[in-house]
């Protein structure tokens, strides 16, 4: 069974969907692995490392995809008009394409029309059985770490308290907004760097998680906040009344902060605006806001996705896109293991191919299309 790994062509993407380590394991499973030349270079994996692992090096995407039954991707394959290459048109009909597929109704329709079986790993149910293949968690973890590192680089003072003969530099005051996977890692990293860390989240379970990491909790609590989490562990969209009261509490805290790390996302929706223009204006010159949610519009009203902004009062706002790709070697290492785990979970050794039972909860969660039809319940017409 031929398995193709393509070079990622979308803007700001430096990750790769297979490393030499996972390529070697895929070959041991019985796959003929074809890697497009240069696919791993931006993540620190040269062509020679894939060749040494036993993979075939293909000169271009077309050669890699020729006869492929499985295609591994980080981001959704480019369709006509999205870039210099129509990747989707090159993928053989009937191939299984696994990656973060930009799952929505339009995308599902494109995959069905192209005749590919699309597995959107970002739609994986967040259940215990799926933890080792959860691409959102593995990538968010690294995004939270990288956000604090970027904040430290942009901050014009020090993170820890420094006592010197010339005087004392106080520790940075850090507020992390959102205590999901990214937020918890941001808290832990900021604490390791010596910051005084606070955090806020609307989900009821978050308060204890925040405190367990040594940070203080900031937030408004009422009856609505007790039901602010879905059964899948995601934050729910909150009422305007609750958000107004939460904003009052947060505004008082933000005015005292040196660094604010924004990580709050609501599944399938635009990121909520948590830091208003007035809150930014209240911060000290030289303060830093890092907005991990920039790809979904941003948690800060002044975030410009993809840009670094300095406000008139001297606040630095980092709204870079695709935060996991800013630490590509580590992000690729974890992401590729997620994909490998998914494949091995459903791998049939006798036939040397994946068998994806439609009734399986994980398969039902990720499969957008099969046999030229949209099958995911979220996107099936009617």
Protein backbone atom coordinates (compact mmCIF):
# COMPACT_ATOMS: atom_id res chain seq x y z
CA UNK A 1 0.00 0.00 0.00
CA UNK A 2 1.52 3.31 -1.11
CA UNK A 3 1.43 6.12 1.43
CA UNK A 4 2.31 9.66 0.36
CA UNK A 5 3.62 12.53 2.46
CA UNK A 6 3.48 15.95 0.83
CA UNK A 7 5.36 19.17 1.40
CA UNK A 8 3.01 21.64 3.10
CA UNK A 9 2.32 24.64 0.89
CA UNK A 10 -0.01 26.78 2.98
CA UNK A 11 1.31 30.08 4.34
CA UNK A 12 3.07 29.99 7.73
CA UNK A 13 3.22 26.19 7.75
CA UNK A 14 6.56 24.60 8.67
CA UNK A 15 5.40 21.20 9.98
CA UNK A 16 5.41 17.86 8.19
CA UNK A 17 2.99 14.92 8.40
CA UNK A 18 5.63 12.19 8.83
CA UNK A 19 9.07 12.24 10.38
CA UNK A 20 11.82 9.76 9.55
CA UNK A 21 10.90 7.98 12.80
CA UNK A 22 7.24 7.49 11.88
CA UNK A 23 8.10 6.76 8.23
CA UNK A 24 10.25 3.85 9.38
CA UNK A 25 7.37 2.51 11.50
CA UNK A 26 4.91 2.88 8.64
CA UNK A 27 7.27 0.92 6.40
CA UNK A 28 7.50 -1.80 9.06
CA UNK A 29 3.69 -2.02 8.94
CA UNK A 30 3.87 -2.84 5.24
CA UNK A 31 3.51 0.60 3.64
CA UNK A 32 5.51 1.86 0.71
CA UNK A 33 6.20 5.39 1.94
CA UNK A 34 6.80 8.14 -0.63
CA UNK A 35 7.93 11.54 0.69
CA UNK A 36 7.96 14.61 -1.53
CA UNK A 37 11.45 16.08 -1.66
CA UNK A 38 11.87 18.90 0.86
CA UNK A 39 8.74 17.98 2.82
CA UNK A 40 10.52 17.87 6.18
CA UNK A 41 13.23 20.46 5.64
CA UNK A 42 11.50 23.37 7.43
CA UNK A 43 10.93 21.12 10.45
CA UNK A 44 14.57 20.03 10.56
CA UNK A 45 14.18 16.69 8.74
CA UNK A 46 16.34 16.54 5.57
CA UNK A 47 15.61 14.25 2.64
CA UNK A 48 18.60 12.08 3.55
CA UNK A 49 16.98 11.17 6.88
CA UNK A 50 13.87 9.88 5.10
CA UNK A 51 15.97 7.93 2.62
CA UNK A 52 17.91 6.36 5.48
CA UNK A 53 14.59 5.35 7.08
CA UNK A 54 13.67 3.51 3.87
CA UNK A 55 11.27 6.00 2.31
CA UNK A 56 11.13 6.76 -1.41
CA UNK A 57 11.97 10.36 -2.23
CA UNK A 58 9.62 11.79 -4.87
CA UNK A 59 10.71 14.86 -6.87
CA UNK A 60 7.29 16.53 -6.68
CA UNK A 61 3.76 16.14 -5.33
CA UNK A 62 2.48 14.38 -8.43
CA UNK A 63 5.17 11.71 -8.23
CA UNK A 64 4.57 11.18 -4.51
CA UNK A 65 0.82 10.82 -5.02
CA UNK A 66 0.95 8.51 -8.04
CA UNK A 67 -0.90 5.36 -6.98
CA UNK A 68 -1.17 6.45 -3.33
CA UNK A 69 -3.89 4.80 -1.24
CA UNK A 70 -3.14 6.88 1.88
CA UNK A 71 -2.09 10.53 2.03
CA UNK A 72 -0.84 12.17 5.24
CA UNK A 73 -1.18 15.95 5.56
CA UNK A 74 -0.74 18.56 8.26
CA UNK A 75 -3.20 21.02 6.71
CA UNK A 76 -6.00 20.51 4.20
CA UNK A 77 -4.83 19.82 0.64
CA UNK A 78 -4.92 22.87 -1.58
CA UNK A 79 -7.86 22.97 -3.97
CA UNK A 80 -8.14 24.81 -7.29
CA UNK A 81 -7.48 28.53 -6.82
CA UNK A 82 -6.01 28.21 -3.33
CA UNK A 83 -2.37 28.13 -4.33
CA UNK A 84 0.11 27.40 -7.09
CA UNK A 85 -0.77 23.68 -7.06
CA UNK A 86 -4.15 21.93 -7.00
CA UNK A 87 -3.14 19.15 -4.60
CA UNK A 88 -6.67 17.80 -4.29
CA UNK A 89 -6.86 17.11 -8.03
CA UNK A 90 -3.64 15.08 -7.86
CA UNK A 91 -4.84 12.75 -5.08
CA UNK A 92 -6.11 9.46 -6.53
CA UNK A 93 -9.85 8.85 -6.17
CA UNK A 94 -10.55 6.47 -3.32
CA UNK A 95 -7.45 7.48 -1.36
CA UNK A 96 -7.69 7.98 2.40
CA UNK A 97 -6.48 11.50 3.29
CA UNK A 98 -5.65 12.06 6.98
CA UNK A 99 -4.87 15.48 8.46
CA UNK A 100 -6.41 18.61 9.89
CA UNK A 101 -8.79 19.05 7.01
CA UNK A 102 -10.45 22.41 7.75
CA UNK A 103 -13.71 20.61 8.43
CA UNK A 104 -16.80 22.50 7.32
CA UNK A 105 -19.65 21.86 4.90
CA UNK A 106 -17.86 23.37 1.89
CA UNK A 107 -14.66 21.43 2.52
CA UNK A 108 -16.59 18.17 2.94
CA UNK A 109 -18.32 18.84 -0.38
CA UNK A 110 -14.97 19.36 -2.13
CA UNK A 111 -13.57 16.10 -0.76
CA UNK A 112 -16.68 14.20 -1.79
CA UNK A 113 -16.50 15.65 -5.31
CA UNK A 114 -12.82 14.66 -5.52
CA UNK A 115 -13.71 11.12 -4.46
CA UNK A 116 -11.32 11.00 -1.49
CA UNK A 117 -12.08 9.56 1.94
CA UNK A 118 -11.22 12.51 4.19
CA UNK A 119 -10.38 11.97 7.88
CA UNK A 120 -10.37 15.29 9.75
CA UNK A 121 -8.26 14.71 12.85
CA UNK A 122 -9.38 18.00 14.41
CA UNK A 123 -12.85 16.43 14.75
CA UNK A 124 -11.60 13.53 16.88
CA UNK A 125 -13.85 12.99 19.92
CA UNK A 126 -12.10 13.98 23.14
CA UNK A 127 -12.46 10.68 24.95
CA UNK A 128 -9.90 8.65 26.89
CA UNK A 129 -9.34 6.20 24.05
CA UNK A 130 -8.42 9.03 21.69
CA UNK A 131 -5.87 10.86 23.86
CA UNK A 132 -2.78 9.48 22.13
CA UNK A 133 -4.09 10.57 18.72
CA UNK A 134 -5.51 13.97 19.76
CA UNK A 135 -3.82 16.41 17.39
CA UNK A 136 -5.51 19.47 18.88
CA UNK A 137 -4.11 18.73 22.34
CA UNK A 138 -0.59 17.88 21.21
CA UNK A 139 -0.34 21.03 19.11
CA UNK A 140 -2.03 23.31 21.67
CA UNK A 141 0.42 22.16 24.32
CA UNK A 142 3.34 23.37 22.25
CA UNK A 143 1.51 26.56 21.24
CA UNK A 144 1.09 27.44 24.92
CA UNK A 145 4.78 26.90 25.56
CA UNK A 146 5.85 28.88 22.51
CA UNK A 147 3.52 31.76 23.37
CA UNK A 148 5.29 32.36 26.68
CA UNK A 149 8.73 32.08 25.06
CA UNK A 150 7.67 34.66 22.46
CA UNK A 151 6.30 36.88 25.22
CA UNK A 152 9.62 36.71 27.07
CA UNK A 153 11.44 37.68 23.90
CA UNK A 154 9.18 40.69 23.27
CA UNK A 155 9.07 41.85 26.92
CA UNK A 156 11.56 44.64 27.63
CA UNK A 157 12.11 43.57 31.23
CA UNK A 158 12.82 40.25 32.96
CA UNK A 159 10.47 37.40 33.78
CA UNK A 160 11.88 36.43 37.20
CA UNK A 161 12.64 38.75 40.08
CA UNK A 162 16.32 39.67 39.82
CA UNK A 163 18.14 40.98 42.90
CA UNK A 164 21.38 42.71 42.01
CA UNK A 165 23.82 45.11 43.65
CA UNK A 166 22.35 47.81 41.44
CA UNK A 167 18.81 47.15 42.58
CA UNK A 168 15.92 44.72 42.25
CA UNK A 169 13.90 44.00 39.12
CA UNK A 170 10.43 42.72 40.04
CA UNK A 171 8.98 39.54 38.58
CA UNK A 172 6.67 39.91 35.60
CA UNK A 173 2.93 39.77 36.29
CA UNK A 174 1.38 37.31 33.83
CA UNK A 175 -2.30 36.65 33.10
CA UNK A 176 -3.27 33.59 31.06
CA UNK A 177 -6.75 33.79 29.55
CA UNK A 178 -8.17 30.32 29.00
CA UNK A 179 -7.02 27.25 30.90
CA UNK A 180 -7.36 24.56 28.28
CA UNK A 181 -4.34 22.57 27.10
CA UNK A 182 -2.54 25.64 25.71
CA UNK A 183 -3.40 27.79 28.70
CA UNK A 184 -2.24 25.26 31.27
CA UNK A 185 1.07 24.84 29.46
CA UNK A 186 1.41 28.64 29.30
CA UNK A 187 0.84 28.83 33.06
CA UNK A 188 3.43 26.14 33.75
CA UNK A 189 6.00 27.74 31.43
CA UNK A 190 5.50 31.23 32.84
CA UNK A 191 5.89 29.84 36.35
CA UNK A 192 9.11 28.07 35.37
CA UNK A 193 10.45 31.36 34.04
CA UNK A 194 9.76 33.00 37.39
CA UNK A 195 6.66 35.06 36.59
CA UNK A 196 3.83 35.82 39.03
CA UNK A 197 1.03 34.05 37.24
CA UNK A 198 -2.76 34.44 37.31
CA UNK A 199 -5.27 32.81 34.98
CA UNK A 200 -8.93 32.96 34.08
CA UNK A 201 -11.41 30.56 32.42
CA UNK A 202 -15.21 30.26 32.39
CA UNK A 203 -15.21 26.46 32.85
CA UNK A 204 -15.87 25.31 36.42
CA UNK A 205 -13.14 22.65 36.39
CA UNK A 206 -10.52 25.18 35.39
CA UNK A 207 -10.24 26.92 38.76
CA UNK A 208 -8.72 23.91 40.50
CA UNK A 209 -6.46 23.15 37.53
CA UNK A 210 -5.15 26.72 37.60
CA UNK A 211 -4.49 26.61 41.32
CA UNK A 212 -2.82 23.20 41.07
CA UNK A 213 -0.15 24.77 38.87
CA UNK A 214 0.57 27.46 41.43
CA UNK A 215 -1.29 30.29 39.70
CA UNK A 216 -4.05 32.41 41.19
CA UNK A 217 -7.57 32.37 39.74
CA UNK A 218 -9.20 35.50 38.31
CA UNK A 219 -12.85 35.40 37.31
CA UNK A 220 -16.54 35.97 37.95
CA UNK A 221 -18.52 32.96 39.16
CA UNK A 222 -22.29 32.38 39.14
CA UNK A 223 -24.80 29.68 38.23
CA UNK A 224 -24.09 30.04 34.51
CA UNK A 225 -20.40 29.43 35.00
CA UNK A 226 -21.18 26.08 36.65
CA UNK A 227 -22.47 24.83 33.28
CA UNK A 228 -19.85 26.48 31.08
CA UNK A 229 -18.35 23.27 29.72
CA UNK A 230 -19.59 20.84 27.07
CA UNK A 231 -19.57 17.08 27.62
CA UNK A 232 -16.54 17.00 25.32
CA UNK A 233 -14.57 19.30 27.60
CA UNK A 234 -14.80 22.45 25.48
CA UNK A 235 -15.87 25.88 26.69
CA UNK A 236 -19.43 26.87 25.86
CA UNK A 237 -20.40 30.24 24.42
CA UNK A 238 -21.54 32.38 27.36
CA UNK A 239 -24.36 34.90 27.64
CA UNK A 240 -23.69 38.62 27.06
CA UNK A 241 -24.64 39.30 30.69
CA UNK A 242 -22.09 36.85 32.04
CA UNK A 243 -19.39 38.09 29.67
CA UNK A 244 -19.98 41.68 30.81
CA UNK A 245 -19.53 40.74 34.47
CA UNK A 246 -16.49 38.60 33.67
CA UNK A 247 -15.01 41.51 31.70
CA UNK A 248 -15.31 43.81 34.72
CA UNK A 249 -13.26 41.43 36.87
CA UNK A 250 -10.70 40.77 34.14
CA UNK A 251 -10.32 44.47 33.30
CA UNK A 252 -9.14 45.20 36.81
CA UNK A 253 -6.55 42.45 36.61
CA UNK A 254 -5.28 43.31 33.12
CA UNK A 255 -4.40 46.88 34.14
CA UNK A 256 -1.84 45.41 36.55
CA UNK A 257 -0.33 42.90 34.13
CA UNK A 258 2.96 42.96 32.24
CA UNK A 259 2.08 40.02 30.01
CA UNK A 260 -1.29 38.64 28.89
CA UNK A 261 -1.48 35.31 27.06
CA UNK A 262 -4.79 34.75 25.25
CA UNK A 263 -5.73 31.14 24.49
CA UNK A 264 -9.55 31.05 24.63
CA UNK A 265 -11.36 29.25 21.81
CA UNK A 266 -14.93 28.02 21.34
CA UNK A 267 -15.10 24.97 19.06
CA UNK A 268 -16.39 25.81 15.60
CA UNK A 269 -16.87 29.52 16.30
CA UNK A 270 -14.96 32.78 16.15
CA UNK A 271 -12.74 33.32 19.18
CA UNK A 272 -14.44 35.44 21.85
CA UNK A 273 -13.15 38.98 22.35
CA UNK A 274 -11.88 39.04 25.92
CA UNK A 275 -9.41 41.94 25.85
CA UNK A 276 -11.05 45.16 24.71
CA UNK A 277 -9.39 48.25 23.30
CA UNK A 278 -9.99 49.99 26.64
CA UNK A 279 -8.24 47.16 28.50
CA UNK A 280 -5.22 47.45 26.22
CA UNK A 281 -5.16 51.21 26.84
CA UNK A 282 -5.03 50.55 30.59
CA UNK A 283 -1.81 48.51 30.36
CA UNK A 284 1.66 49.86 31.01
CA UNK A 285 4.02 50.76 28.14
CA UNK A 286 6.18 47.76 27.27
CA UNK A 287 3.51 45.23 28.25
CA UNK A 288 2.96 42.29 25.93
CA UNK A 289 -0.20 40.54 24.73
CA UNK A 290 0.25 37.17 23.00
CA UNK A 291 -2.86 36.00 21.12
CA UNK A 292 -2.79 32.27 20.37
CA UNK A 293 -6.39 32.55 19.17
CA UNK A 294 -5.39 34.82 16.28
CA UNK A 295 -6.26 32.22 13.62
CA UNK A 296 -9.87 32.32 14.86
CA UNK A 297 -10.01 36.13 14.92
CA UNK A 298 -8.21 36.66 18.22
CA UNK A 299 -9.19 37.23 21.84
CA UNK A 300 -7.85 40.80 21.77
CA UNK A 301 -9.81 43.48 19.94
CA UNK A 302 -6.60 44.99 18.53
CA UNK A 303 -5.03 41.75 17.33
CA UNK A 304 -4.11 41.78 13.65
CA UNK A 305 -3.84 38.10 12.65
CA UNK A 306 -0.38 37.34 11.36
CA UNK A 307 1.13 40.60 12.62
CA UNK A 308 3.08 42.13 15.49
CA UNK A 309 1.42 45.38 16.56
CA UNK A 310 2.66 48.15 18.86
CA UNK A 311 -0.19 50.30 20.16
CA UNK A 312 0.04 54.08 20.72
CA UNK A 313 0.50 53.48 24.46
CA UNK A 314 3.41 51.08 23.82
CA UNK A 315 1.73 47.69 24.28
CA UNK A 316 3.12 44.94 22.03
CA UNK A 317 0.50 42.56 20.59
CA UNK A 318 1.75 39.34 18.99
CA UNK A 319 -0.96 37.93 16.73
CA UNK A 320 1.10 35.45 14.78
CA UNK A 321 -0.74 32.71 12.88
CA UNK A 322 -0.29 28.97 13.36
CA UNK A 323 1.52 28.97 16.69
CA UNK A 324 2.46 25.25 16.64
CA UNK A 325 4.36 25.82 13.38
CA UNK A 326 6.59 28.29 15.25
CA UNK A 327 8.13 25.26 16.98
CA UNK A 328 8.04 22.94 13.95
CA UNK A 329 10.37 20.10 14.90
CA UNK A 330 8.64 19.35 18.20
CA UNK A 331 5.17 19.98 16.76
CA UNK A 332 5.85 17.65 13.83
CA UNK A 333 7.20 14.98 16.16
CA UNK A 334 4.01 14.93 18.22
CA UNK A 335 1.62 15.40 15.30
CA UNK A 336 3.12 12.56 13.28
CA UNK A 337 2.87 10.23 16.27
CA UNK A 338 -0.81 11.18 16.57
CA UNK A 339 -1.36 10.15 12.94
CA UNK A 340 0.65 6.97 13.36
CA UNK A 341 -1.40 6.00 16.41
CA UNK A 342 -4.63 6.57 14.49
CA UNK A 343 -3.45 4.38 11.64
CA UNK A 344 -2.11 1.59 13.84
CA UNK A 345 -5.33 1.55 15.86
CA UNK A 346 -7.27 0.61 12.73
CA UNK A 347 -4.56 -1.31 10.88
CA UNK A 348 -5.45 -4.80 9.69
CA UNK A 349 -2.24 -6.85 9.68
CA UNK A 350 -3.60 -9.56 7.41
CA UNK A 351 -4.53 -7.22 4.59
CA UNK A 352 -1.86 -4.57 5.42
CA UNK A 353 -4.34 -1.73 5.22
CA UNK A 354 -6.50 0.37 7.55
CA UNK A 355 -10.03 -0.83 8.24
CA UNK A 356 -12.27 1.99 9.47
CA UNK A 357 -15.58 0.62 10.80
CA UNK A 358 -18.34 3.18 10.26
CA UNK A 359 -19.88 2.34 13.64
CA UNK A 360 -16.67 3.05 15.60
CA UNK A 361 -16.96 6.24 17.68
CA UNK A 362 -13.57 7.58 16.60
CA UNK A 363 -14.16 6.83 12.93
CA UNK A 364 -17.63 8.37 13.07
CA UNK A 365 -16.09 11.48 14.61
CA UNK A 366 -13.36 12.08 12.03
CA UNK A 367 -14.64 10.80 8.70
CA UNK A 368 -16.00 13.61 6.55
CA UNK A 369 -16.43 11.64 3.35
CA UNK A 370 -16.50 8.05 2.08
CA UNK A 371 -16.95 6.75 -1.44
CA UNK A 372 -17.71 10.16 -2.89
CA UNK A 373 -20.36 10.98 -0.26
CA UNK A 374 -20.38 13.33 2.71
CA UNK A 375 -20.92 11.10 5.77
CA UNK A 376 -20.17 13.27 8.81
CA UNK A 377 -23.45 14.02 10.64
CA UNK A 378 -22.46 17.69 11.07
CA UNK A 379 -22.31 18.24 7.31
CA UNK A 380 -24.78 15.84 5.73
CA UNK A 381 -27.42 17.83 3.87
CA UNK A 382 -30.85 17.86 5.54
